[in-house]
Amino acid sequence: MSKQFPYIQPNVLESICKIVGGTLTNTEIDKYLADCKLKNVEPVGTKWKRLYNSFVEYQNRTRISNGILIFIQTSIHPTRFISDKESFENARSELNKIFSFIELELADNGKFRNAAKANTISEAEQRATSLTSKLKDRNVHNDILKFCKAELLVNNYFHAVFESTKSVADKIRDLSEETKDGSELVDSVFSIRNPILIINNLQTETDKSEHKGFANLLKGFFGMFRNTTAHAPKIKWTINEQDALDVMSMASLCHRKLDSATKIR
């Protein structure tokens, strides 16, 4: 890290250590402290306290938090959770609730990035509750409701929309066992001549029109929302609650159609 990150206050640091410590064994703590060149101040004892004492020693000596952030990037890295993605996402989301107060976010690639400072966690949780309630009123697909998390809504609806649109592409890949993305994925999976998935019998002209229409809908959906949110900085692509509801409802429609799809090759 070329930038120097400021000292993390003890109360915040304690909360971070409890989350990180919960994902590691004592042997792993020894290894990552050594790898990150942090002193192993307390070789035995409660895991979170071991981390806390080593982190405090580092900050008192350097007056920055870079070494601590490197430790977290190393220990909470997606490659450690290949067979348990849910544990990675749980740890990351809990950490981001805390890091949002110091204007940082642990991204899904395991790297830190700057984030707008949250005012309160309760504010984000209230926003998440409101969005969940309104989506339930629309009877949206259960796969969409999981993205109404407070950590995704700390700043605005950007991340919730991004993750919900990604989920559609993920489901297509899971069902088809195809590895492509975006328009190439749709063209490969939903071609008329040699499809992998079909949403009807694909026998009549009406069937074929519906099938092609769904493929075009998916390509338009990815082009307008998924690709935009993937490449545009959050501050340049703002979205309000109403738009978020509409986009996530469209993602819900796609999920329902995919649930009834049949794999034919």
Foldseek 3Di string as FASTA:
>chain_A
DPDFAADDDLVLLLQLLVLLLVQDDLVVVVVLCVVLVFDQPDSDDRRSVSVSVRQVVVCVVVRTRVSVLVSQLVSLAVVVQVPPVVSSVVSQLSNLQSCLQVQWHQDNRSHIDGHHRADHLVVLVVQLVVLLVVLVVVVFDPVLNVLSDSSCPRPHVLSSLLVLLVVLQVLLCVQQVDDDDALVSLCAQQPLPDHQKALDPSPDPVRVVVSVVLSVLNNVLCVPRNVCSVPDPDVVDHDHSVRSSVNSRSSRVSVVSSVRMDGDD
